[in-house]
Amino acid sequence: MWQDVVIAIVNVLFAYSLVYQVYVGFRDKKGFLSLQTSILTTIGLYAVAFVYFSLNLYLSTIISFFNGGMWFLLLFQRLVYKKA
């Protein structure tokens, strides 16, 4: 499906920006984001990944699950490092 490819490409771009943010958080030992933002985005991305899976959009599922994992790491940083 062409929709799967387009959604996956957009999510790869989102993932690219998140990887660097996670790296900076671990490097600087700071939790940059609020708990509300981190928690809701993590849950939302996992829910979207489930919906993609139910629609047989497997490429988008994998990338969305990865993005959810990146947001989970940002949440983890926020919890461990407290405020920036």
PDB file of N, CA and C in Angstrom:
ATOM      1  N   MET A   1       0.827  -1.183   0.000  1.00  0.00           N
ATOM      2  CA  MET A   1       0.000   0.000   0.000  1.00  0.00           C
ATOM      3  C   MET A   1       0.873   1.249   0.000  1.00  0.00           C
ATOM      4  N   TRP A   2       0.529   2.176  -0.838  1.00  0.00           N
ATOM      5  CA  TRP A   2       1.313   3.403  -0.904  1.00  0.00           C
ATOM      6  C   TRP A   2       1.150   4.227   0.376  1.00  0.00           C
ATOM      7  N   GLN A   3      -0.008   4.129   1.016  1.00  0.00           N
ATOM      8  CA  GLN A   3      -0.228   4.870   2.252  1.00  0.00           C
ATOM      9  C   GLN A   3       0.747   4.431   3.343  1.00  0.00           C
ATOM     10  N   ASP A   4       1.028   3.145   3.391  1.00  0.00           N
ATOM     11  CA  ASP A   4       1.968   2.619   4.377  1.00  0.00           C
ATOM     12  C   ASP A   4       3.346   3.232   4.173  1.00  0.00           C
ATOM     13  N   VAL A   5       3.762   3.352   2.934  1.00  0.00           N
ATOM     14  CA  VAL A   5       5.086   3.913   2.627  1.00  0.00           C
ATOM     15  C   VAL A   5       5.146   5.396   3.012  1.00  0.00           C
ATOM     16  N   VAL A   6       4.116   6.152   2.683  1.00  0.00           N
ATOM     17  CA  VAL A   6       4.108   7.583   3.004  1.00  0.00           C
ATOM     18  C   VAL A   6       4.106   7.796   4.519  1.00  0.00           C
ATOM     19  N   ILE A   7       3.250   7.067   5.227  1.00  0.00           N
ATOM     20  CA  ILE A   7       3.199   7.186   6.687  1.00  0.00           C
ATOM     21  C   ILE A   7       4.545   6.795   7.291  1.00  0.00           C
ATOM     22  N   ALA A   8       5.143   5.736   6.790  1.00  0.00           N
ATOM     23  CA  ALA A   8       6.432   5.287   7.312  1.00  0.00           C
ATOM     24  C   ALA A   8       7.522   6.327   7.067  1.00  0.00           C
ATOM     25  N   ILE A   9       7.550   6.933   5.900  1.00  0.00           N
ATOM     26  CA  ILE A   9       8.565   7.953   5.599  1.00  0.00           C
ATOM     27  C   ILE A   9       8.435   9.141   6.539  1.00  0.00           C
ATOM     28  N   VAL A  10       7.224   9.606   6.757  1.00  0.00           N
ATOM     29  CA  VAL A  10       7.006  10.733   7.670  1.00  0.00           C
ATOM     30  C   VAL A  10       7.432  10.353   9.089  1.00  0.00           C
ATOM     31  N   ASN A  11       7.094   9.139   9.512  1.00  0.00           N
ATOM     32  CA  ASN A  11       7.480   8.697  10.847  1.00  0.00           C
ATOM     33  C   ASN A  11       8.985   8.509  10.985  1.00  0.00           C
ATOM     34  N   VAL A  12       9.675   8.144   9.923  1.00  0.00           N
ATOM     35  CA  VAL A  12      11.144   8.051   9.959  1.00  0.00           C
ATOM     36  C   VAL A  12      11.737   9.437  10.194  1.00  0.00           C
ATOM     37  N   LEU A  13      11.168  10.460   9.573  1.00  0.00           N
ATOM     38  CA  LEU A  13      11.644  11.825   9.806  1.00  0.00           C
ATOM     39  C   LEU A  13      11.432  12.233  11.254  1.00  0.00           C
ATOM     40  N   PHE A  14      10.278  11.872  11.821  1.00  0.00           N
ATOM     41  CA  PHE A  14      10.038  12.144  13.237  1.00  0.00           C
ATOM     42  C   PHE A  14      11.047  11.394  14.108  1.00  0.00           C
ATOM     43  N   ALA A  15      11.306  10.146  13.769  1.00  0.00           N
ATOM     44  CA  ALA A  15      12.254   9.332  14.532  1.00  0.00           C
ATOM     45  C   ALA A  15      13.652   9.931  14.485  1.00  0.00           C
ATOM     46  N   TYR A  16      14.047  10.433  13.344  1.00  0.00           N
ATOM     47  CA  TYR A  16      15.367  11.054  13.193  1.00  0.00           C
ATOM     48  C   TYR A  16      15.550  12.188  14.199  1.00  0.00           C
ATOM     49  N   SER A  17      14.535  13.038  14.340  1.00  0.00           N
ATOM     50  CA  SER A  17      14.657  14.146  15.284  1.00  0.00           C
ATOM     51  C   SER A  17      14.633  13.663  16.724  1.00  0.00           C
ATOM     52  N   LEU A  18      13.920  12.597  17.004  1.00  0.00           N
ATOM     53  CA  LEU A  18      13.845  12.080  18.367  1.00  0.00           C
ATOM     54  C   LEU A  18      15.141  11.425  18.818  1.00  0.00           C
ATOM     55  N   VAL A  19      15.817  10.738  17.930  1.00  0.00           N
ATOM     56  CA  VAL A  19      17.060  10.059  18.298  1.00  0.00           C
ATOM     57  C   VAL A  19      18.068  11.064  18.842  1.00  0.00           C
ATOM     58  N   TYR A  20      18.214  12.196  18.186  1.00  0.00           N
ATOM     59  CA  TYR A  20      19.156  13.204  18.662  1.00  0.00           C
ATOM     60  C   TYR A  20      18.702  13.785  20.001  1.00  0.00           C
ATOM     61  N   GLN A  21      17.412  14.008  20.164  1.00  0.00           N
ATOM     62  CA  GLN A  21      16.895  14.546  21.427  1.00  0.00           C
ATOM     63  C   GLN A  21      17.165  13.594  22.581  1.00  0.00           C
ATOM     64  N   VAL A  22      16.976  12.311  22.355  1.00  0.00           N
ATOM     65  CA  VAL A  22      17.257  11.310  23.388  1.00  0.00           C
ATOM     66  C   VAL A  22      18.753  11.313  23.715  1.00  0.00           C
ATOM     67  N   TYR A  23      19.584  11.384  22.690  1.00  0.00           N
ATOM     68  CA  TYR A  23      21.036  11.428  22.893  1.00  0.00           C
ATOM     69  C   TYR A  23      21.438  12.643  23.742  1.00  0.00           C
ATOM     70  N   VAL A  24      20.908  13.804  23.416  1.00  0.00           N
ATOM     71  CA  VAL A  24      21.236  15.027  24.160  1.00  0.00           C
ATOM     72  C   VAL A  24      20.778  14.905  25.609  1.00  0.00           C
ATOM     73  N   GLY A  25      19.612  14.312  25.821  1.00  0.00           N
ATOM     74  CA  GLY A  25      19.123  14.133  27.186  1.00  0.00           C
ATOM     75  C   GLY A  25      20.048  13.270  28.020  1.00  0.00           C
ATOM     76  N   PHE A  26      20.537  12.167  27.444  1.00  0.00           N
ATOM     77  CA  PHE A  26      21.469  11.306  28.175  1.00  0.00           C
ATOM     78  C   PHE A  26      22.829  11.981  28.354  1.00  0.00           C
ATOM     79  N   ARG A  27      23.271  12.708  27.336  1.00  0.00           N
ATOM     80  CA  ARG A  27      24.563  13.384  27.416  1.00  0.00           C
ATOM     81  C   ARG A  27      24.561  14.479  28.478  1.00  0.00           C
ATOM     82  N   ASP A  28      23.510  15.299  28.484  1.00  0.00           N
ATOM     83  CA  ASP A  28      23.441  16.431  29.408  1.00  0.00           C
ATOM     84  C   ASP A  28      22.806  16.078  30.750  1.00  0.00           C
ATOM     85  N   LYS A  29      22.288  14.854  30.868  1.00  0.00           N
ATOM     86  CA  LYS A  29      21.643  14.397  32.101  1.00  0.00           C
ATOM     87  C   LYS A  29      20.514  15.329  32.519  1.00  0.00           C
ATOM     88  N   LYS A  30      19.648  15.644  31.560  1.00  0.00           N
ATOM     89  CA  LYS A  30      18.512  16.532  31.816  1.00  0.00           C
ATOM     90  C   LYS A  30      17.256  15.948  31.190  1.00  0.00           C
ATOM     91  N   GLY A  31      16.149  16.093  31.905  1.00  0.00           N
ATOM     92  CA  GLY A  31      14.843  15.714  31.365  1.00  0.00           C
ATOM     93  C   GLY A  31      14.165  16.956  30.841  1.00  0.00           C
ATOM     94  N   PHE A  32      14.157  17.117  29.537  1.00  0.00           N
ATOM     95  CA  PHE A  32      13.733  18.373  28.934  1.00  0.00           C
ATOM     96  C   PHE A  32      12.221  18.564  28.858  1.00  0.00           C
ATOM     97  N   LEU A  33      11.454  17.494  28.842  1.00  0.00           N
ATOM     98  CA  LEU A  33      10.028  17.599  28.568  1.00  0.00           C
ATOM     99  C   LEU A  33       9.191  17.393  29.818  1.00  0.00           C
ATOM    100  N   SER A  34       7.957  17.893  29.757  1.00  0.00           N
ATOM    101  CA  SER A  34       7.054  17.694  30.890  1.00  0.00           C
ATOM    102  C   SER A  34       6.566  16.249  30.922  1.00  0.00           C
ATOM    103  N   LEU A  35       6.157  15.815  32.087  1.00  0.00           N
ATOM    104  CA  LEU A  35       5.620  14.465  32.229  1.00  0.00           C
ATOM    105  C   LEU A  35       4.375  14.271  31.381  1.00  0.00           C
ATOM    106  N   GLN A  36       3.497  15.257  31.381  1.00  0.00           N
ATOM    107  CA  GLN A  36       2.255  15.153  30.617  1.00  0.00           C
ATOM    108  C   GLN A  36       2.542  14.942  29.134  1.00  0.00           C
ATOM    109  N   THR A  37       3.450  15.706  28.574  1.00  0.00           N
ATOM    110  CA  THR A  37       3.794  15.570  27.157  1.00  0.00           C
ATOM    111  C   THR A  37       4.376  14.194  26.869  1.00  0.00           C
ATOM    112  N   SER A  38       5.306  13.764  27.697  1.00  0.00           N
ATOM    113  CA  SER A  38       5.963  12.482  27.479  1.00  0.00           C
ATOM    114  C   SER A  38       5.005  11.305  27.613  1.00  0.00           C
ATOM    115  N   ILE A  39       4.189  11.311  28.649  1.00  0.00           N
ATOM    116  CA  ILE A  39       3.270  10.199  28.883  1.00  0.00           C
ATOM    117  C   ILE A  39       2.214  10.107  27.788  1.00  0.00           C
ATOM    118  N   LEU A  40       1.569  11.212  27.485  1.00  0.00           N
ATOM    119  CA  LEU A  40       0.486  11.188  26.486  1.00  0.00           C
ATOM    120  C   LEU A  40       1.004  10.853  25.093  1.00  0.00           C
ATOM    121  N   THR A  41       2.169  11.367  24.729  1.00  0.00           N
ATOM    122  CA  THR A  41       2.720  11.070  23.411  1.00  0.00           C
ATOM    123  C   THR A  41       3.137   9.611  23.309  1.00  0.00           C
ATOM    124  N   THR A  42       3.734   9.076  24.363  1.00  0.00           N
ATOM    125  CA  THR A  42       4.128   7.670  24.362  1.00  0.00           C
ATOM    126  C   THR A  42       2.905   6.770  24.202  1.00  0.00           C
ATOM    127  N   ILE A  43       1.884   6.992  25.007  1.00  0.00           N
ATOM    128  CA  ILE A  43       0.661   6.187  24.923  1.00  0.00           C
ATOM    129  C   ILE A  43       0.004   6.341  23.557  1.00  0.00           C
ATOM    130  N   GLY A  44      -0.062   7.574  23.071  1.00  0.00           N
ATOM    131  CA  GLY A  44      -0.678   7.822  21.771  1.00  0.00           C
ATOM    132  C   GLY A  44       0.040   7.120  20.628  1.00  0.00           C
ATOM    133  N   LEU A  45       1.350   7.136  20.637  1.00  0.00           N
ATOM    134  CA  LEU A  45       2.100   6.484  19.561  1.00  0.00           C
ATOM    135  C   LEU A  45       1.968   4.970  19.602  1.00  0.00           C
ATOM    136  N   TYR A  46       1.924   4.400  20.800  1.00  0.00           N
ATOM    137  CA  TYR A  46       1.691   2.954  20.890  1.00  0.00           C
ATOM    138  C   TYR A  46       0.280   2.603  20.410  1.00  0.00           C
ATOM    139  N   ALA A  47      -0.693   3.453  20.703  1.00  0.00           N
ATOM    140  CA  ALA A  47      -2.067   3.221  20.229  1.00  0.00           C
ATOM    141  C   ALA A  47      -2.127   3.311  18.700  1.00  0.00           C
ATOM    142  N   VAL A  48      -1.445   4.303  18.136  1.00  0.00           N
ATOM    143  CA  VAL A  48      -1.407   4.452  16.674  1.00  0.00           C
ATOM    144  C   VAL A  48      -0.722   3.241  16.042  1.00  0.00           C
ATOM    145  N   ALA A  49       0.349   2.762  16.661  1.00  0.00           N
ATOM    146  CA  ALA A  49       1.030   1.577  16.133  1.00  0.00           C
ATOM    147  C   ALA A  49       0.086   0.379  16.122  1.00  0.00           C
ATOM    148  N   PHE A  50      -0.722   0.226  17.171  1.00  0.00           N
ATOM    149  CA  PHE A  50      -1.701  -0.862  17.210  1.00  0.00           C
ATOM    150  C   PHE A  50      -2.725  -0.725  16.084  1.00  0.00           C
ATOM    151  N   VAL A  51      -3.187   0.500  15.846  1.00  0.00           N
ATOM    152  CA  VAL A  51      -4.154   0.730  14.763  1.00  0.00           C
ATOM    153  C   VAL A  51      -3.521   0.416  13.411  1.00  0.00           C
ATOM    154  N   TYR A  52      -2.296   0.864  13.192  1.00  0.00           N
ATOM    155  CA  TYR A  52      -1.603   0.540  11.938  1.00  0.00           C
ATOM    156  C   TYR A  52      -1.490  -0.970  11.757  1.00  0.00           C
ATOM    157  N   PHE A  53      -1.169  -1.673  12.840  1.00  0.00           N
ATOM    158  CA  PHE A  53      -1.057  -3.126  12.771  1.00  0.00           C
ATOM    159  C   PHE A  53      -2.395  -3.755  12.383  1.00  0.00           C
ATOM    160  N   SER A  54      -3.475  -3.241  12.954  1.00  0.00           N
ATOM    161  CA  SER A  54      -4.796  -3.791  12.644  1.00  0.00           C
ATOM    162  C   SER A  54      -5.201  -3.526  11.193  1.00  0.00           C
ATOM    163  N   LEU A  55      -4.586  -2.527  10.577  1.00  0.00           N
ATOM    164  CA  LEU A  55      -4.853  -2.208   9.167  1.00  0.00           C
ATOM    165  C   LEU A  55      -3.835  -2.860   8.224  1.00  0.00           C
ATOM    166  N   ASN A  56      -2.990  -3.719   8.765  1.00  0.00           N
ATOM    167  CA  ASN A  56      -1.934  -4.393   7.994  1.00  0.00           C
ATOM    168  C   ASN A  56      -0.919  -3.428   7.396  1.00  0.00           C
ATOM    169  N   LEU A  57      -0.676  -2.320   8.065  1.00  0.00           N
ATOM    170  CA  LEU A  57       0.343  -1.352   7.662  1.00  0.00           C
ATOM    171  C   LEU A  57       1.591  -1.638   8.501  1.00  0.00           C
ATOM    172  N   TYR A  58       2.280  -2.704   8.135  1.00  0.00           N
ATOM    173  CA  TYR A  58       3.345  -3.232   8.978  1.00  0.00           C
ATOM    174  C   TYR A  58       4.570  -2.325   9.056  1.00  0.00           C
ATOM    175  N   LEU A  59       4.928  -1.683   7.972  1.00  0.00           N
ATOM    176  CA  LEU A  59       6.069  -0.767   7.990  1.00  0.00           C
ATOM    177  C   LEU A  59       5.783   0.407   8.925  1.00  0.00           C
ATOM    178  N   SER A  60       4.603   0.966   8.816  1.00  0.00           N
ATOM    179  CA  SER A  60       4.208   2.075   9.691  1.00  0.00           C
ATOM    180  C   SER A  60       4.119   1.628  11.141  1.00  0.00           C
ATOM    181  N   THR A  61       3.683   0.396  11.366  1.00  0.00           N
ATOM    182  CA  THR A  61       3.610  -0.149  12.725  1.00  0.00           C
ATOM    183  C   THR A  61       4.984  -0.157  13.369  1.00  0.00           C
ATOM    184  N   ILE A  62       5.967  -0.656  12.646  1.00  0.00           N
ATOM    185  CA  ILE A  62       7.330  -0.763  13.185  1.00  0.00           C
ATOM    186  C   ILE A  62       7.892   0.614  13.513  1.00  0.00           C
ATOM    187  N   ILE A  63       7.737   1.548  12.596  1.00  0.00           N
ATOM    188  CA  ILE A  63       8.292   2.888  12.802  1.00  0.00           C
ATOM    189  C   ILE A  63       7.558   3.604  13.928  1.00  0.00           C
ATOM    190  N   SER A  64       6.237   3.478  14.007  1.00  0.00           N
ATOM    191  CA  SER A  64       5.483   4.120  15.090  1.00  0.00           C
ATOM    192  C   SER A  64       5.842   3.513  16.440  1.00  0.00           C
ATOM    193  N   PHE A  65       6.052   2.210  16.473  1.00  0.00           N
ATOM    194  CA  PHE A  65       6.465   1.566  17.711  1.00  0.00           C
ATOM    195  C   PHE A  65       7.851   2.084  18.128  1.00  0.00           C
ATOM    196  N   PHE A  66       8.748   2.267  17.163  1.00  0.00           N
ATOM    197  CA  PHE A  66      10.064   2.828  17.449  1.00  0.00           C
ATOM    198  C   PHE A  66       9.934   4.243  18.008  1.00  0.00           C
ATOM    199  N   ASN A  67       9.074   5.064  17.382  1.00  0.00           N
ATOM    200  CA  ASN A  67       8.864   6.432  17.867  1.00  0.00           C
ATOM    201  C   ASN A  67       8.299   6.424  19.284  1.00  0.00           C
ATOM    202  N   GLY A  68       7.385   5.508  19.562  1.00  0.00           N
ATOM    203  CA  GLY A  68       6.869   5.376  20.921  1.00  0.00           C
ATOM    204  C   GLY A  68       7.977   5.030  21.900  1.00  0.00           C
ATOM    205  N   GLY A  69       8.903   4.186  21.466  1.00  0.00           N
ATOM    206  CA  GLY A  69      10.052   3.839  22.299  1.00  0.00           C
ATOM    207  C   GLY A  69      10.951   5.034  22.566  1.00  0.00           C
ATOM    208  N   MET A  70      11.144   5.869  21.578  1.00  0.00           N
ATOM    209  CA  MET A  70      11.953   7.073  21.760  1.00  0.00           C
ATOM    210  C   MET A  70      11.294   8.021  22.758  1.00  0.00           C
ATOM    211  N   TRP A  71       9.976   8.163  22.640  1.00  0.00           N
ATOM    212  CA  TRP A  71       9.257   9.007  23.586  1.00  0.00           C
ATOM    213  C   TRP A  71       9.281   8.397  24.984  1.00  0.00           C
ATOM    214  N   PHE A  72       9.265   7.075  25.068  1.00  0.00           N
ATOM    215  CA  PHE A  72       9.382   6.428  26.367  1.00  0.00           C
ATOM    216  C   PHE A  72      10.745   6.743  26.986  1.00  0.00           C
ATOM    217  N   LEU A  73      11.792   6.751  26.178  1.00  0.00           N
ATOM    218  CA  LEU A  73      13.115   7.114  26.694  1.00  0.00           C
ATOM    219  C   LEU A  73      13.150   8.560  27.179  1.00  0.00           C
ATOM    220  N   LEU A  74      12.454   9.458  26.475  1.00  0.00           N
ATOM    221  CA  LEU A  74      12.366  10.845  26.932  1.00  0.00           C
ATOM    222  C   LEU A  74      11.609  10.921  28.264  1.00  0.00           C
ATOM    223  N   LEU A  75      10.570  10.114  28.392  1.00  0.00           N
ATOM    224  CA  LEU A  75       9.835  10.033  29.665  1.00  0.00           C
ATOM    225  C   LEU A  75      10.759   9.505  30.765  1.00  0.00           C
ATOM    226  N   PHE A  76      11.523   8.477  30.470  1.00  0.00           N
ATOM    227  CA  PHE A  76      12.473   7.909  31.416  1.00  0.00           C
ATOM    228  C   PHE A  76      13.483   8.964  31.859  1.00  0.00           C
ATOM    229  N   GLN A  77      14.002   9.741  30.905  1.00  0.00           N
ATOM    230  CA  GLN A  77      14.947  10.800  31.243  1.00  0.00           C
ATOM    231  C   GLN A  77      14.295  11.821  32.169  1.00  0.00           C
ATOM    232  N   ARG A  78      13.063  12.157  31.883  1.00  0.00           N
ATOM    233  CA  ARG A  78      12.354  13.142  32.706  1.00  0.00           C
ATOM    234  C   ARG A  78      12.211  12.635  34.140  1.00  0.00           C
ATOM    235  N   LEU A  79      11.908  11.361  34.290  1.00  0.00           N
ATOM    236  CA  LEU A  79      11.751  10.782  35.616  1.00  0.00           C
ATOM    237  C   LEU A  79      13.077  10.666  36.368  1.00  0.00           C
ATOM    238  N   VAL A  80      14.124  10.285  35.650  1.00  0.00           N
ATOM    239  CA  VAL A  80      15.427  10.061  36.287  1.00  0.00           C
ATOM    240  C   VAL A  80      16.161  11.374  36.559  1.00  0.00           C
ATOM    241  N   TYR A  81      16.159  12.273  35.594  1.00  0.00           N
ATOM    242  CA  TYR A  81      16.947  13.506  35.716  1.00  0.00           C
ATOM    243  C   TYR A  81      16.150  14.667  36.288  1.00  0.00           C
ATOM    244  N   LYS A  82      14.879  14.458  36.544  1.00  0.00           N
ATOM    245  CA  LYS A  82      13.978  15.502  37.066  1.00  0.00           C
ATOM    246  C   LYS A  82      13.891  16.669  36.086  1.00  0.00           C
ATOM    247  N   LYS A  83      13.978  17.898  36.594  1.00  0.00           N
ATOM    248  CA  LYS A  83      13.798  19.060  35.732  1.00  0.00           C
ATOM    249  C   LYS A  83      15.106  19.471  35.078  1.00  0.00           C
ATOM    250  N   ALA A  84      14.965  20.076  33.901  1.00  0.00           N
ATOM    251  CA  ALA A  84      16.150  20.536  33.165  1.00  0.00           C
ATOM    252  C   ALA A  84      16.817  21.685  33.880  1.00  0.00           C
TER     253      ALA A  84
END
